[in-house]
C-alpha atoms as a PDB file:
ATOM      1  CA  MET A   1     -94.123 -50.307-141.298  1.00  0.00           C
ATOM      2  CA  SER A   2     -90.949 -49.700-143.483  1.00  0.00           C
ATOM      3  CA  ALA A   3     -88.078 -52.236-143.302  1.00  0.00           C
ATOM      4  CA  VAL A   4     -84.624 -50.819-142.192  1.00  0.00           C
ATOM      5  CA  SER A   5     -81.338 -53.008-142.665  1.00  0.00           C
ATOM      6  CA  LEU A   6     -79.269 -54.351-140.011  1.00  0.00           C
ATOM      7  CA  TYR A   7     -76.331 -52.323-140.798  1.00  0.00           C
ATOM      8  CA  ALA A   8     -78.459 -49.222-140.865  1.00  0.00           C
ATOM      9  CA  LEU A   9     -79.735 -49.787-137.405  1.00  0.00           C
ATOM     10  CA  ASN A  10     -76.804 -50.508-135.898  1.00  0.00           C
ATOM     11  CA  GLU A  11     -75.155 -47.369-137.126  1.00  0.00           C
ATOM     12  CA  TYR A  12     -78.225 -45.204-135.719  1.00  0.00           C
ATOM     13  CA  VAL A  13     -77.879 -46.983-132.403  1.00  0.00           C
ATOM     14  CA  ARG A  14     -74.184 -46.386-132.378  1.00  0.00           C
ATOM     15  CA  ARG A  15     -74.685 -42.569-133.197  1.00  0.00           C
ATOM     16  CA  VAL A  16     -77.561 -42.145-130.533  1.00  0.00           C
ATOM     17  CA  ILE A  17     -75.150 -43.574-127.991  1.00  0.00           C
ATOM     18  CA  GLN A  18     -72.357 -41.792-129.194  1.00  0.00           C
ATOM     19  CA  LEU A  19     -74.177 -38.343-128.846  1.00  0.00           C
ATOM     20  CA  ASN A  20     -75.463 -38.964-125.434  1.00  0.00           C
ATOM     21  CA  PHE A  21     -72.405 -40.567-123.706  1.00  0.00           C
ATOM     22  CA  LYS A  22     -69.452 -38.351-123.985  1.00  0.00           C
ATOM     23  CA  GLU A  23     -67.007 -40.549-122.370  1.00  0.00           C
ATOM     24  CA  PRO A  24     -66.480 -44.473-122.457  1.00  0.00           C
ATOM     25  CA  VAL A  25     -69.581 -46.243-120.469  1.00  0.00           C
ATOM     26  CA  TRP A  26     -69.135 -49.358-118.393  1.00  0.00           C
ATOM     27  CA  ILE A  27     -72.221 -51.962-118.345  1.00  0.00           C
ATOM     28  CA  ASP A  28     -73.021 -52.954-114.896  1.00  0.00           C
ATOM     29  CA  ALA A  29     -74.670 -56.379-115.340  1.00  0.00           C
ATOM     30  CA  GLU A  30     -74.827 -59.880-114.276  1.00  0.00           C
ATOM     31  CA  LEU A  31     -72.730 -62.271-116.453  1.00  0.00           C
ATOM     32  CA  ALA A  32     -75.264 -64.934-117.274  1.00  0.00           C
ATOM     33  CA  GLN A  33     -73.515 -67.040-119.693  1.00  0.00           C
ATOM     34  CA  VAL A  34     -69.873 -67.159-121.100  1.00  0.00           C
ATOM     35  CA  ASN A  35     -68.196 -69.274-123.868  1.00  0.00           C
ATOM     36  CA  GLN A  36     -64.897 -69.110-125.636  1.00  0.00           C
ATOM     37  CA  SER A  37     -63.889 -70.481-128.699  1.00  0.00           C
ATOM     38  CA  LYS A  38     -61.107 -69.936-130.952  1.00  0.00           C
ATOM     39  CA  GLY A  39     -59.843 -67.297-128.570  1.00  0.00           C
ATOM     40  CA  HIS A  40     -63.297 -65.099-128.951  1.00  0.00           C
ATOM     41  CA  TRP A  41     -65.270 -64.550-125.872  1.00  0.00           C
ATOM     42  CA  TYR A  42     -69.079 -64.819-126.237  1.00  0.00           C
ATOM     43  CA  VAL A  43     -70.881 -63.440-123.473  1.00  0.00           C
ATOM     44  CA  GLU A  44     -74.712 -62.851-122.205  1.00  0.00           C
ATOM     45  CA  LEU A  45     -75.449 -59.950-119.976  1.00  0.00           C
ATOM     46  CA  VAL A  46     -78.544 -59.862-118.188  1.00  0.00           C
ATOM     47  CA  GLU A  47     -80.001 -57.455-115.385  1.00  0.00           C
ATOM     48  CA  LYS A  48     -82.537 -58.583-112.736  1.00  0.00           C
ATOM     49  CA  ASP A  49     -85.371 -56.833-111.084  1.00  0.00           C
ATOM     50  CA  PRO A  50     -83.808 -56.886-107.394  1.00  0.00           C
ATOM     51  CA  THR A  51     -87.410 -57.243-106.092  1.00  0.00           C
ATOM     52  CA  ILE A  52     -88.512 -60.522-107.932  1.00  0.00           C
ATOM     53  CA  ASP A  53     -85.223 -61.526-109.126  1.00  0.00           C
ATOM     54  CA  GLN A  54     -86.643 -61.640-112.483  1.00  0.00           C
ATOM     55  CA  VAL A  55     -84.387 -60.898-115.848  1.00  0.00           C
ATOM     56  CA  ILE A  56     -85.635 -57.416-117.073  1.00  0.00           C
ATOM     57  CA  ALA A  57     -82.872 -56.675-119.600  1.00  0.00           C
ATOM     58  CA  ARG A  58     -80.692 -59.051-121.596  1.00  0.00           C
ATOM     59  CA  ALA A  59     -77.948 -58.494-124.150  1.00  0.00           C
ATOM     60  CA  GLN A  60     -75.531 -60.710-126.216  1.00  0.00           C
ATOM     61  CA  GLY A  61     -72.123 -59.725-127.010  1.00  0.00           C
ATOM     62  CA  THR A  62     -68.834 -60.486-128.405  1.00  0.00           C
ATOM     63  CA  ILE A  63     -64.989 -59.994-127.619  1.00  0.00           C
ATOM     64  CA  TRP A  64     -62.981 -60.794-130.450  1.00  0.00           C
ATOM     65  CA  SER A  65     -59.805 -62.175-129.859  1.00  0.00           C
ATOM     66  CA  ARG A  66     -57.522 -59.283-130.438  1.00  0.00           C
ATOM     67  CA  ARG A  67     -59.527 -56.816-128.543  1.00  0.00           C
ATOM     68  CA  PHE A  68     -59.560 -59.743-125.350  1.00  0.00           C
ATOM     69  CA  ALA A  69     -55.973 -59.719-126.013  1.00  0.00           C
ATOM     70  CA  LYS A  70     -55.687 -55.833-125.529  1.00  0.00           C
ATOM     71  CA  LEU A  71     -58.112 -55.644-122.809  1.00  0.00           C
ATOM     72  CA  GLN A  72     -55.663 -58.779-121.013  1.00  0.00           C
ATOM     73  CA  ARG A  73     -52.868 -56.402-121.199  1.00  0.00           C
ATOM     74  CA  GLN A  74     -54.721 -53.211-119.901  1.00  0.00           C
ATOM     75  CA  TYR A  75     -56.179 -54.855-117.293  1.00  0.00           C
ATOM     76  CA  ARG A  76     -53.977 -57.345-116.307  1.00  0.00           C
ATOM     77  CA  LYS A  77     -55.283 -58.127-112.143  1.00  0.00           C
ATOM     78  CA  GLN A  78     -58.553 -58.044-113.127  1.00  0.00           C
ATOM     79  CA  MET A  79     -58.573 -60.225-115.690  1.00  0.00           C
ATOM     80  CA  ASP A  80     -56.540 -62.727-114.106  1.00  0.00           C
ATOM     81  CA  LEU A  81     -59.209 -63.163-111.331  1.00  0.00           C
ATOM     82  CA  ALA A  82     -61.750 -63.012-114.037  1.00  0.00           C
ATOM     83  CA  GLN A  83     -59.505 -66.096-115.664  1.00  0.00           C
ATOM     84  CA  ILE A  84     -60.163 -68.046-112.538  1.00  0.00           C
ATOM     85  CA  LEU A  85     -64.008 -67.219-111.810  1.00  0.00           C
ATOM     86  CA  VAL A  86     -64.490 -68.602-115.720  1.00  0.00           C
ATOM     87  CA  PRO A  87     -63.580 -72.107-116.455  1.00  0.00           C
END
């Protein structure tokens, strides 16, 4: 088995996604965990098998503070609701 750098792997995944999805993609998932620190948001997304309510996919992500501010300006009404739902 050969080793590959994390950067090379991320670039490969980015290119595969870019080639297969011509438009931006919204992810349909459940927010399992949300944490905020210094303006940054750390989220864990999960997808559950609806028949057995078991997690079948999990991903973690970060929304950096500048990006969050931009999203907040773009989606003010939806984000206001999110602020109520997320302590």
